[in-house]
């Protein structure tokens, strides 16, 4: 066999580096299933620079951005669907996929 392809190298990096519990990610429960998740609050801060805050008319929107391996998570969640992260309910605001990783932006509204 020859050297692995670029796509094979990226797929290996998803689990061995990016979603490695010893490097960046941690174990969380998503929709009742334990899986490796990377929670990224910094990216939301960058996205918010283009928007005007998250506090609107007395409501505080708790938000989160998570990365999970698509093979662990399963089918890509629908926008506006409800999912749980560590027992807390969130609405899916956006979901993109790249190199076998789902980037899911979540929001819960508290009054």
PDB file of N, CA and C in Angstrom:
ATOM      1  N   UNK A   1       0.834  -1.183   0.000  1.00  0.00           N
ATOM      2  CA  UNK A   1       0.000   0.000   0.000  1.00  0.00           C
ATOM      3  C   UNK A   1       0.871   1.235   0.000  1.00  0.00           C
ATOM      4  N   UNK A   2       0.367   2.294  -0.649  1.00  0.00           N
ATOM      5  CA  UNK A   2       1.089   3.555  -0.689  1.00  0.00           C
ATOM      6  C   UNK A   2       0.776   4.405   0.526  1.00  0.00           C
ATOM      7  N   UNK A   3       1.284   5.593   0.496  1.00  0.00           N
ATOM      8  CA  UNK A   3       1.036   6.556   1.575  1.00  0.00           C
ATOM      9  C   UNK A   3      -0.446   6.926   1.604  1.00  0.00           C
ATOM     10  N   UNK A   4      -0.968   7.254   2.788  1.00  0.00           N
ATOM     11  CA  UNK A   4      -2.375   7.636   2.878  1.00  0.00           C
ATOM     12  C   UNK A   4      -2.665   8.923   2.098  1.00  0.00           C
ATOM     13  N   UNK A   5      -3.883   9.029   1.576  1.00  0.00           N
ATOM     14  CA  UNK A   5      -4.272  10.227   0.842  1.00  0.00           C
ATOM     15  C   UNK A   5      -4.467  11.393   1.804  1.00  0.00           C
ATOM     16  N   UNK A   6      -4.561  12.579   1.267  1.00  0.00           N
ATOM     17  CA  UNK A   6      -4.785  13.770   2.084  1.00  0.00           C
ATOM     18  C   UNK A   6      -6.098  13.641   2.860  1.00  0.00           C
ATOM     19  N   UNK A   7      -7.142  13.154   2.194  1.00  0.00           N
ATOM     20  CA  UNK A   7      -8.432  12.974   2.863  1.00  0.00           C
ATOM     21  C   UNK A   7      -8.328  11.980   4.017  1.00  0.00           C
ATOM     22  N   UNK A   8      -7.565  10.936   3.845  1.00  0.00           N
ATOM     23  CA  UNK A   8      -7.380   9.955   4.916  1.00  0.00           C
ATOM     24  C   UNK A   8      -6.622  10.573   6.091  1.00  0.00           C
ATOM     25  N   UNK A   9      -5.647  11.424   5.791  1.00  0.00           N
ATOM     26  CA  UNK A   9      -4.893  12.105   6.850  1.00  0.00           C
ATOM     27  C   UNK A   9      -5.797  13.053   7.635  1.00  0.00           C
ATOM     28  N   UNK A  10      -6.644  13.795   6.928  1.00  0.00           N
ATOM     29  CA  UNK A  10      -7.581  14.714   7.593  1.00  0.00           C
ATOM     30  C   UNK A  10      -8.548  13.929   8.469  1.00  0.00           C
ATOM     31  N   UNK A  11      -9.094  12.842   7.964  1.00  0.00           N
ATOM     32  CA  UNK A  11     -10.033  12.019   8.745  1.00  0.00           C
ATOM     33  C   UNK A  11      -9.373  11.492  10.009  1.00  0.00           C
ATOM     34  N   UNK A  12      -8.125  11.098   9.925  1.00  0.00           N
ATOM     35  CA  UNK A  12      -7.411  10.612  11.109  1.00  0.00           C
ATOM     36  C   UNK A  12      -7.188  11.750  12.101  1.00  0.00           C
ATOM     37  N   UNK A  13      -6.899  12.942  11.595  1.00  0.00           N
ATOM     38  CA  UNK A  13      -6.687  14.095  12.475  1.00  0.00           C
ATOM     39  C   UNK A  13      -7.949  14.490  13.233  1.00  0.00           C
ATOM     40  N   UNK A  14      -9.108  14.248  12.646  1.00  0.00           N
ATOM     41  CA  UNK A  14     -10.370  14.579  13.318  1.00  0.00           C
ATOM     42  C   UNK A  14     -10.412  13.908  14.683  1.00  0.00           C
ATOM     43  N   UNK A  15     -10.118  12.628  14.727  1.00  0.00           N
ATOM     44  CA  UNK A  15     -10.179  11.879  15.976  1.00  0.00           C
ATOM     45  C   UNK A  15      -8.893  11.962  16.793  1.00  0.00           C
ATOM     46  N   UNK A  16      -7.765  11.917  16.127  1.00  0.00           N
ATOM     47  CA  UNK A  16      -6.493  11.846  16.838  1.00  0.00           C
ATOM     48  C   UNK A  16      -5.982  13.189  17.362  1.00  0.00           C
ATOM     49  N   UNK A  17      -6.456  14.288  16.803  1.00  0.00           N
ATOM     50  CA  UNK A  17      -5.969  15.604  17.231  1.00  0.00           C
ATOM     51  C   UNK A  17      -7.137  16.493  17.656  1.00  0.00           C
ATOM     52  N   UNK A  18      -7.974  16.863  16.691  1.00  0.00           N
ATOM     53  CA  UNK A  18      -9.003  17.855  16.939  1.00  0.00           C
ATOM     54  C   UNK A  18     -10.017  17.401  17.987  1.00  0.00           C
ATOM     55  N   UNK A  19     -10.500  16.184  17.900  1.00  0.00           N
ATOM     56  CA  UNK A  19     -11.472  15.669  18.867  1.00  0.00           C
ATOM     57  C   UNK A  19     -10.828  14.692  19.849  1.00  0.00           C
ATOM     58  N   UNK A  20      -9.570  14.897  20.140  1.00  0.00           N
ATOM     59  CA  UNK A  20      -8.843  14.071  21.093  1.00  0.00           C
ATOM     60  C   UNK A  20      -9.109  14.601  22.504  1.00  0.00           C
ATOM     61  N   UNK A  21      -9.572  13.738  23.395  1.00  0.00           N
ATOM     62  CA  UNK A  21      -9.892  14.156  24.763  1.00  0.00           C
ATOM     63  C   UNK A  21      -8.659  14.606  25.547  1.00  0.00           C
ATOM     64  N   UNK A  22      -7.482  14.200  25.139  1.00  0.00           N
ATOM     65  CA  UNK A  22      -6.263  14.636  25.823  1.00  0.00           C
ATOM     66  C   UNK A  22      -5.759  15.974  25.290  1.00  0.00           C
ATOM     67  N   UNK A  23      -6.289  16.423  24.153  1.00  0.00           N
ATOM     68  CA  UNK A  23      -5.821  17.661  23.538  1.00  0.00           C
ATOM     69  C   UNK A  23      -6.833  18.796  23.683  1.00  0.00           C
ATOM     70  N   UNK A  24      -7.977  18.694  23.016  1.00  0.00           N
ATOM     71  CA  UNK A  24      -8.924  19.804  22.959  1.00  0.00           C
ATOM     72  C   UNK A  24     -10.318  19.468  23.488  1.00  0.00           C
ATOM     73  N   UNK A  25     -10.794  18.276  23.240  1.00  0.00           N
ATOM     74  CA  UNK A  25     -12.191  17.923  23.491  1.00  0.00           C
ATOM     75  C   UNK A  25     -12.391  17.255  24.848  1.00  0.00           C
ATOM     76  N   UNK A  26     -13.668  17.121  25.226  1.00  0.00           N
ATOM     77  CA  UNK A  26     -14.052  16.466  26.471  1.00  0.00           C
ATOM     78  C   UNK A  26     -15.265  15.570  26.209  1.00  0.00           C
ATOM     79  N   UNK A  27     -15.547  14.707  27.165  1.00  0.00           N
ATOM     80  CA  UNK A  27     -16.738  13.858  27.075  1.00  0.00           C
ATOM     81  C   UNK A  27     -17.957  14.669  27.508  1.00  0.00           C
ATOM     82  N   UNK A  28     -19.002  14.622  26.708  1.00  0.00           N
ATOM     83  CA  UNK A  28     -20.271  15.283  27.008  1.00  0.00           C
ATOM     84  C   UNK A  28     -21.393  14.338  26.609  1.00  0.00           C
ATOM     85  N   UNK A  29     -22.595  14.651  27.062  1.00  0.00           N
ATOM     86  CA  UNK A  29     -23.767  13.880  26.680  1.00  0.00           C
ATOM     87  C   UNK A  29     -24.593  14.732  25.728  1.00  0.00           C
ATOM     88  N   UNK A  30     -24.772  14.229  24.512  1.00  0.00           N
ATOM     89  CA  UNK A  30     -25.529  14.926  23.483  1.00  0.00           C
ATOM     90  C   UNK A  30     -26.727  14.066  23.124  1.00  0.00           C
ATOM     91  N   UNK A  31     -27.918  14.620  23.327  1.00  0.00           N
ATOM     92  CA  UNK A  31     -29.157  13.878  23.064  1.00  0.00           C
ATOM     93  C   UNK A  31     -29.158  12.517  23.752  1.00  0.00           C
ATOM     94  N   UNK A  32     -28.651  12.489  24.982  1.00  0.00           N
ATOM     95  CA  UNK A  32     -28.647  11.273  25.781  1.00  0.00           C
ATOM     96  C   UNK A  32     -27.526  10.298  25.469  1.00  0.00           C
ATOM     97  N   UNK A  33     -26.643  10.653  24.544  1.00  0.00           N
ATOM     98  CA  UNK A  33     -25.556   9.758  24.130  1.00  0.00           C
ATOM     99  C   UNK A  33     -24.217  10.394  24.477  1.00  0.00           C
ATOM    100  N   UNK A  34     -23.346   9.649  25.174  1.00  0.00           N
ATOM    101  CA  UNK A  34     -22.009  10.153  25.500  1.00  0.00           C
ATOM    102  C   UNK A  34     -21.157  10.141  24.239  1.00  0.00           C
ATOM    103  N   UNK A  35     -20.454  11.269  24.024  1.00  0.00           N
ATOM    104  CA  UNK A  35     -19.545  11.359  22.884  1.00  0.00           C
ATOM    105  C   UNK A  35     -18.495  12.426  23.155  1.00  0.00           C
ATOM    106  N   UNK A  36     -17.484  12.445  22.339  1.00  0.00           N
ATOM    107  CA  UNK A  36     -16.425  13.434  22.452  1.00  0.00           C
ATOM    108  C   UNK A  36     -16.884  14.709  21.757  1.00  0.00           C
ATOM    109  N   UNK A  37     -16.793  15.827  22.488  1.00  0.00           N
ATOM    110  CA  UNK A  37     -17.285  17.115  21.990  1.00  0.00           C
ATOM    111  C   UNK A  37     -16.237  18.189  22.276  1.00  0.00           C
ATOM    112  N   UNK A  38     -16.038  19.052  21.319  1.00  0.00           N
ATOM    113  CA  UNK A  38     -15.223  20.241  21.522  1.00  0.00           C
ATOM    114  C   UNK A  38     -16.179  21.421  21.619  1.00  0.00           C
ATOM    115  N   UNK A  39     -16.174  22.104  22.761  1.00  0.00           N
ATOM    116  CA  UNK A  39     -16.998  23.299  22.971  1.00  0.00           C
ATOM    117  C   UNK A  39     -16.110  24.499  22.685  1.00  0.00           C
ATOM    118  N   UNK A  40     -16.543  25.358  21.774  1.00  0.00           N
ATOM    119  CA  UNK A  40     -15.722  26.488  21.338  1.00  0.00           C
ATOM    120  C   UNK A  40     -16.461  27.796  21.571  1.00  0.00           C
ATOM    121  N   UNK A  41     -16.178  28.451  22.686  1.00  0.00           N
ATOM    122  CA  UNK A  41     -16.800  29.733  22.986  1.00  0.00           C
ATOM    123  C   UNK A  41     -16.101  30.882  22.258  1.00  0.00           C
ATOM    124  N   UNK A  42     -14.853  30.726  21.893  1.00  0.00           N
ATOM    125  CA  UNK A  42     -14.116  31.795  21.222  1.00  0.00           C
ATOM    126  C   UNK A  42     -14.666  32.088  19.835  1.00  0.00           C
ATOM    127  N   UNK A  43     -15.057  31.065  19.107  1.00  0.00           N
ATOM    128  CA  UNK A  43     -15.602  31.275  17.768  1.00  0.00           C
ATOM    129  C   UNK A  43     -16.899  32.069  17.828  1.00  0.00           C
ATOM    130  N   UNK A  44     -17.713  31.831  18.854  1.00  0.00           N
ATOM    131  CA  UNK A  44     -18.942  32.606  18.997  1.00  0.00           C
ATOM    132  C   UNK A  44     -18.638  34.073  19.242  1.00  0.00           C
ATOM    133  N   UNK A  45     -17.580  34.355  19.988  1.00  0.00           N
ATOM    134  CA  UNK A  45     -17.178  35.745  20.204  1.00  0.00           C
ATOM    135  C   UNK A  45     -16.805  36.407  18.884  1.00  0.00           C
ATOM    136  N   UNK A  46     -16.105  35.668  18.040  1.00  0.00           N
ATOM    137  CA  UNK A  46     -15.725  36.203  16.729  1.00  0.00           C
ATOM    138  C   UNK A  46     -16.962  36.452  15.874  1.00  0.00           C
ATOM    139  N   UNK A  47     -17.913  35.531  15.919  1.00  0.00           N
ATOM    140  CA  UNK A  47     -19.143  35.696  15.142  1.00  0.00           C
ATOM    141  C   UNK A  47     -19.943  36.879  15.660  1.00  0.00           C
ATOM    142  N   UNK A  48     -19.900  37.105  16.970  1.00  0.00           N
ATOM    143  CA  UNK A  48     -20.654  38.205  17.572  1.00  0.00           C
ATOM    144  C   UNK A  48     -20.080  39.573  17.205  1.00  0.00           C
ATOM    145  N   UNK A  49     -18.824  39.620  16.814  1.00  0.00           N
ATOM    146  CA  UNK A  49     -18.250  40.897  16.413  1.00  0.00           C
ATOM    147  C   UNK A  49     -19.011  41.476  15.220  1.00  0.00           C
ATOM    148  N   UNK A  50     -19.561  40.601  14.410  1.00  0.00           N
ATOM    149  CA  UNK A  50     -20.335  41.042  13.255  1.00  0.00           C
ATOM    150  C   UNK A  50     -21.783  41.356  13.626  1.00  0.00           C
ATOM    151  N   UNK A  51     -22.205  40.915  14.793  1.00  0.00           N
ATOM    152  CA  UNK A  51     -23.572  41.152  15.266  1.00  0.00           C
ATOM    153  C   UNK A  51     -23.522  42.121  16.435  1.00  0.00           C
ATOM    154  N   UNK A  52     -24.650  42.542  16.900  1.00  0.00           N
ATOM    155  CA  UNK A  52     -24.703  43.449  18.038  1.00  0.00           C
ATOM    156  C   UNK A  52     -25.178  42.710  19.284  1.00  0.00           C
ATOM    157  N   UNK A  53     -24.288  42.037  20.001  1.00  0.00           N
ATOM    158  CA  UNK A  53     -24.576  41.426  21.298  1.00  0.00           C
ATOM    159  C   UNK A  53     -25.581  40.295  21.273  1.00  0.00           C
ATOM    160  N   UNK A  54     -25.856  39.757  22.457  1.00  0.00           N
ATOM    161  CA  UNK A  54     -26.800  38.661  22.586  1.00  0.00           C
ATOM    162  C   UNK A  54     -27.889  38.966  23.600  1.00  0.00           C
ATOM    163  N   UNK A  55     -27.917  40.202  24.118  1.00  0.00           N
ATOM    164  CA  UNK A  55     -28.922  40.570  25.113  1.00  0.00           C
ATOM    165  C   UNK A  55     -30.011  41.384  24.423  1.00  0.00           C
ATOM    166  N   UNK A  56     -31.247  40.867  24.422  1.00  0.00           N
ATOM    167  CA  UNK A  56     -32.328  41.524  23.703  1.00  0.00           C
ATOM    168  C   UNK A  56     -33.560  41.585  24.574  1.00  0.00           C
ATOM    169  N   UNK A  57     -34.047  42.798  24.865  1.00  0.00           N
ATOM    170  CA  UNK A  57     -35.316  43.023  25.558  1.00  0.00           C
ATOM    171  C   UNK A  57     -35.536  42.116  26.764  1.00  0.00           C
ATOM    172  N   UNK A  58     -34.594  42.070  27.694  1.00  0.00           N
ATOM    173  CA  UNK A  58     -34.773  41.322  28.932  1.00  0.00           C
ATOM    174  C   UNK A  58     -34.540  39.837  28.823  1.00  0.00           C
ATOM    175  N   UNK A  59     -34.197  39.348  27.647  1.00  0.00           N
ATOM    176  CA  UNK A  59     -33.921  37.931  27.468  1.00  0.00           C
ATOM    177  C   UNK A  59     -32.418  37.731  27.327  1.00  0.00           C
ATOM    178  N   UNK A  60     -31.913  36.725  28.006  1.00  0.00           N
ATOM    179  CA  UNK A  60     -30.509  36.378  27.861  1.00  0.00           C
ATOM    180  C   UNK A  60     -30.450  35.084  27.081  1.00  0.00           C
ATOM    181  N   UNK A  61     -29.767  35.124  25.975  1.00  0.00           N
ATOM    182  CA  UNK A  61     -29.664  33.938  25.139  1.00  0.00           C
ATOM    183  C   UNK A  61     -28.378  33.198  25.471  1.00  0.00           C
ATOM    184  N   UNK A  62     -28.505  32.041  26.045  1.00  0.00           N
ATOM    185  CA  UNK A  62     -27.336  31.208  26.303  1.00  0.00           C
ATOM    186  C   UNK A  62     -27.006  30.492  25.011  1.00  0.00           C
ATOM    187  N   UNK A  63     -25.757  30.628  24.589  1.00  0.00           N
ATOM    188  CA  UNK A  63     -25.360  30.089  23.294  1.00  0.00           C
ATOM    189  C   UNK A  63     -24.144  29.196  23.446  1.00  0.00           C
ATOM    190  N   UNK A  64     -23.970  28.354  22.477  1.00  0.00           N
ATOM    191  CA  UNK A  64     -22.803  27.494  22.455  1.00  0.00           C
ATOM    192  C   UNK A  64     -22.506  27.031  21.050  1.00  0.00           C
ATOM    193  N   UNK A  65     -21.261  26.722  20.797  1.00  0.00           N
ATOM    194  CA  UNK A  65     -20.842  26.153  19.521  1.00  0.00           C
ATOM    195  C   UNK A  65     -20.089  24.884  19.847  1.00  0.00           C
ATOM    196  N   UNK A  66     -20.545  23.784  19.296  1.00  0.00           N
ATOM    197  CA  UNK A  66     -19.885  22.513  19.564  1.00  0.00           C
ATOM    198  C   UNK A  66     -19.437  21.874  18.255  1.00  0.00           C
ATOM    199  N   UNK A  67     -18.392  21.082  18.369  1.00  0.00           N
ATOM    200  CA  UNK A  67     -17.888  20.287  17.252  1.00  0.00           C
ATOM    201  C   UNK A  67     -17.946  18.825  17.672  1.00  0.00           C
ATOM    202  N   UNK A  68     -18.520  17.990  16.817  1.00  0.00           N
ATOM    203  CA  UNK A  68     -18.601  16.556  17.081  1.00  0.00           C
ATOM    204  C   UNK A  68     -18.290  15.801  15.796  1.00  0.00           C
ATOM    205  N   UNK A  69     -17.792  14.585  15.945  1.00  0.00           N
ATOM    206  CA  UNK A  69     -17.566  13.736  14.775  1.00  0.00           C
ATOM    207  C   UNK A  69     -18.922  13.310  14.228  1.00  0.00           C
ATOM    208  N   UNK A  70     -19.115  13.484  12.949  1.00  0.00           N
ATOM    209  CA  UNK A  70     -20.400  13.133  12.345  1.00  0.00           C
ATOM    210  C   UNK A  70     -20.705  11.649  12.517  1.00  0.00           C
ATOM    211  N   UNK A  71     -19.682  10.814  12.530  1.00  0.00           N
ATOM    212  CA  UNK A  71     -19.925   9.377  12.706  1.00  0.00           C
ATOM    213  C   UNK A  71     -20.445   9.066  14.104  1.00  0.00           C
ATOM    214  N   UNK A  72     -20.094   9.884  15.107  1.00  0.00           N
ATOM    215  CA  UNK A  72     -20.608   9.707  16.469  1.00  0.00           C
ATOM    216  C   UNK A  72     -22.004  10.289  16.622  1.00  0.00           C
ATOM    217  N   UNK A  73     -22.221  11.458  16.019  1.00  0.00           N
ATOM    218  CA  UNK A  73     -23.480  12.166  16.183  1.00  0.00           C
ATOM    219  C   UNK A  73     -24.602  11.551  15.359  1.00  0.00           C
ATOM    220  N   UNK A  74     -24.287  11.211  14.123  1.00  0.00           N
ATOM    221  CA  UNK A  74     -25.309  10.681  13.217  1.00  0.00           C
ATOM    222  C   UNK A  74     -25.780  11.751  12.251  1.00  0.00           C
ATOM    223  N   UNK A  75     -27.045  11.643  11.850  1.00  0.00           N
ATOM    224  CA  UNK A  75     -27.627  12.543  10.866  1.00  0.00           C
ATOM    225  C   UNK A  75     -27.513  14.000  11.327  1.00  0.00           C
ATOM    226  N   UNK A  76     -27.182  14.853  10.399  1.00  0.00           N
ATOM    227  CA  UNK A  76     -27.046  16.289  10.663  1.00  0.00           C
ATOM    228  C   UNK A  76     -28.365  16.837  11.213  1.00  0.00           C
ATOM    229  N   UNK A  77     -28.321  17.578  12.335  1.00  0.00           N
ATOM    230  CA  UNK A  77     -29.563  18.078  12.927  1.00  0.00           C
ATOM    231  C   UNK A  77     -30.186  19.191  12.088  1.00  0.00           C
ATOM    232  N   UNK A  78     -31.504  19.255  12.089  1.00  0.00           N
ATOM    233  CA  UNK A  78     -32.221  20.295  11.359  1.00  0.00           C
ATOM    234  C   UNK A  78     -32.131  21.624  12.111  1.00  0.00           C
ATOM    235  N   UNK A  79     -32.062  22.712  11.367  1.00  0.00           N
ATOM    236  CA  UNK A  79     -32.078  24.043  11.958  1.00  0.00           C
ATOM    237  C   UNK A  79     -33.411  24.217  12.692  1.00  0.00           C
ATOM    238  N   UNK A  80     -33.359  24.802  13.876  1.00  0.00           N
ATOM    239  CA  UNK A  80     -34.500  25.050  14.772  1.00  0.00           C
ATOM    240  C   UNK A  80     -34.955  23.803  15.524  1.00  0.00           C
ATOM    241  N   UNK A  81     -34.312  22.649  15.280  1.00  0.00           N
ATOM    242  CA  UNK A  81     -34.658  21.460  16.059  1.00  0.00           C
ATOM    243  C   UNK A  81     -34.087  21.617  17.464  1.00  0.00           C
ATOM    244  N   UNK A  82     -34.596  20.837  18.393  1.00  0.00           N
ATOM    245  CA  UNK A  82     -34.150  20.903  19.782  1.00  0.00           C
ATOM    246  C   UNK A  82     -33.224  19.727  20.054  1.00  0.00           C
ATOM    247  N   UNK A  83     -32.123  20.000  20.725  1.00  0.00           N
ATOM    248  CA  UNK A  83     -31.214  18.942  21.147  1.00  0.00           C
ATOM    249  C   UNK A  83     -30.735  19.254  22.553  1.00  0.00           C
ATOM    250  N   UNK A  84     -30.203  18.250  23.235  1.00  0.00           N
ATOM    251  CA  UNK A  84     -29.707  18.469  24.587  1.00  0.00           C
ATOM    252  C   UNK A  84     -28.196  18.308  24.620  1.00  0.00           C
ATOM    253  N   UNK A  85     -27.574  19.126  25.458  1.00  0.00           N
ATOM    254  CA  UNK A  85     -26.147  19.048  25.731  1.00  0.00           C
ATOM    255  C   UNK A  85     -26.006  19.007  27.239  1.00  0.00           C
ATOM    256  N   UNK A  86     -25.535  17.894  27.744  1.00  0.00           N
ATOM    257  CA  UNK A  86     -25.374  17.684  29.187  1.00  0.00           C
ATOM    258  C   UNK A  86     -26.663  17.990  29.951  1.00  0.00           C
ATOM    259  N   UNK A  87     -27.784  17.554  29.382  1.00  0.00           N
ATOM    260  CA  UNK A  87     -29.080  17.676  30.043  1.00  0.00           C
ATOM    261  C   UNK A  87     -29.783  19.006  29.852  1.00  0.00           C
ATOM    262  N   UNK A  88     -29.148  19.961  29.200  1.00  0.00           N
ATOM    263  CA  UNK A  88     -29.766  21.258  28.950  1.00  0.00           C
ATOM    264  C   UNK A  88     -30.301  21.304  27.518  1.00  0.00           C
ATOM    265  N   UNK A  89     -31.522  21.816  27.347  1.00  0.00           N
ATOM    266  CA  UNK A  89     -32.136  21.882  26.019  1.00  0.00           C
ATOM    267  C   UNK A  89     -31.676  23.124  25.268  1.00  0.00           C
ATOM    268  N   UNK A  90     -31.333  22.938  24.005  1.00  0.00           N
ATOM    269  CA  UNK A  90     -30.896  24.018  23.125  1.00  0.00           C
ATOM    270  C   UNK A  90     -31.617  23.885  21.783  1.00  0.00           C
ATOM    271  N   UNK A  91     -31.722  25.003  21.094  1.00  0.00           N
ATOM    272  CA  UNK A  91     -32.243  25.028  19.735  1.00  0.00           C
ATOM    273  C   UNK A  91     -31.048  25.088  18.790  1.00  0.00           C
ATOM    274  N   UNK A  92     -31.066  24.309  17.732  1.00  0.00           N
ATOM    275  CA  UNK A  92     -30.002  24.329  16.730  1.00  0.00           C
ATOM    276  C   UNK A  92     -30.211  25.559  15.846  1.00  0.00           C
ATOM    277  N   UNK A  93     -29.243  26.468  15.876  1.00  0.00           N
ATOM    278  CA  UNK A  93     -29.334  27.704  15.092  1.00  0.00           C
ATOM    279  C   UNK A  93     -28.613  27.588  13.753  1.00  0.00           C
ATOM    280  N   UNK A  94     -27.601  26.735  13.705  1.00  0.00           N
ATOM    281  CA  UNK A  94     -26.843  26.547  12.472  1.00  0.00           C
ATOM    282  C   UNK A  94     -26.081  25.241  12.587  1.00  0.00           C
ATOM    283  N   UNK A  95     -25.808  24.626  11.471  1.00  0.00           N
ATOM    284  CA  UNK A  95     -25.005  23.402  11.466  1.00  0.00           C
ATOM    285  C   UNK A  95     -24.295  23.301  10.135  1.00  0.00           C
ATOM    286  N   UNK A  96     -22.984  23.146  10.207  1.00  0.00           N
ATOM    287  CA  UNK A  96     -22.189  22.935   9.002  1.00  0.00           C
ATOM    288  C   UNK A  96     -21.363  21.672   9.197  1.00  0.00           C
ATOM    289  N   UNK A  97     -20.929  21.103   8.100  1.00  0.00           N
ATOM    290  CA  UNK A  97     -20.098  19.909   8.184  1.00  0.00           C
ATOM    291  C   UNK A  97     -18.891  20.064   7.269  1.00  0.00           C
ATOM    292  N   UNK A  98     -17.739  19.628   7.788  1.00  0.00           N
ATOM    293  CA  UNK A  98     -16.525  19.667   7.002  1.00  0.00           C
ATOM    294  C   UNK A  98     -15.568  18.613   7.529  1.00  0.00           C
ATOM    295  N   UNK A  99     -15.024  17.840   6.644  1.00  0.00           N
ATOM    296  CA  UNK A  99     -14.035  16.812   6.980  1.00  0.00           C
ATOM    297  C   UNK A  99     -14.525  15.866   8.075  1.00  0.00           C
ATOM    298  N   UNK A 100     -15.821  15.534   8.046  1.00  0.00           N
ATOM    299  CA  UNK A 100     -16.354  14.592   9.019  1.00  0.00           C
ATOM    300  C   UNK A 100     -16.696  15.173  10.372  1.00  0.00           C
ATOM    301  N   UNK A 101     -16.635  16.514  10.499  1.00  0.00           N
ATOM    302  CA  UNK A 101     -16.957  17.187  11.760  1.00  0.00           C
ATOM    303  C   UNK A 101     -18.202  18.044  11.569  1.00  0.00           C
ATOM    304  N   UNK A 102     -19.135  17.930  12.497  1.00  0.00           N
ATOM    305  CA  UNK A 102     -20.294  18.817  12.522  1.00  0.00           C
ATOM    306  C   UNK A 102     -19.980  19.988  13.444  1.00  0.00           C
ATOM    307  N   UNK A 103     -20.201  21.194  12.981  1.00  0.00           N
ATOM    308  CA  UNK A 103     -20.112  22.400  13.811  1.00  0.00           C
ATOM    309  C   UNK A 103     -21.549  22.839  14.041  1.00  0.00           C
ATOM    310  N   UNK A 104     -22.008  22.737  15.289  1.00  0.00           N
ATOM    311  CA  UNK A 104     -23.403  22.988  15.613  1.00  0.00           C
ATOM    312  C   UNK A 104     -23.491  24.197  16.545  1.00  0.00           C
ATOM    313  N   UNK A 105     -24.175  25.239  16.084  1.00  0.00           N
ATOM    314  CA  UNK A 105     -24.396  26.426  16.914  1.00  0.00           C
ATOM    315  C   UNK A 105     -25.724  26.253  17.633  1.00  0.00           C
ATOM    316  N   UNK A 106     -25.669  26.383  18.960  1.00  0.00           N
ATOM    317  CA  UNK A 106     -26.835  26.140  19.806  1.00  0.00           C
ATOM    318  C   UNK A 106     -27.243  27.415  20.534  1.00  0.00           C
ATOM    319  N   UNK A 107     -28.535  27.489  20.855  1.00  0.00           N
ATOM    320  CA  UNK A 107     -29.043  28.630  21.612  1.00  0.00           C
ATOM    321  C   UNK A 107     -30.207  28.186  22.491  1.00  0.00           C
ATOM    322  N   UNK A 108     -30.180  28.637  23.730  1.00  0.00           N
ATOM    323  CA  UNK A 108     -31.298  28.431  24.641  1.00  0.00           C
ATOM    324  C   UNK A 108     -31.714  29.796  25.156  1.00  0.00           C
ATOM    325  N   UNK A 109     -33.001  30.043  25.246  1.00  0.00           N
ATOM    326  CA  UNK A 109     -33.473  31.351  25.699  1.00  0.00           C
ATOM    327  C   UNK A 109     -33.970  31.199  27.128  1.00  0.00           C
ATOM    328  N   UNK A 110     -33.397  32.040  28.020  1.00  0.00           N
ATOM    329  CA  UNK A 110     -33.825  32.063  29.413  1.00  0.00           C
ATOM    330  C   UNK A 110     -34.473  33.409  29.681  1.00  0.00           C
ATOM    331  N   UNK A 111     -35.536  33.408  30.451  1.00  0.00           N
ATOM    332  CA  UNK A 111     -36.195  34.685  30.787  1.00  0.00           C
ATOM    333  C   UNK A 111     -35.789  35.116  32.170  1.00  0.00           C
TER     334      UNK A 111
END
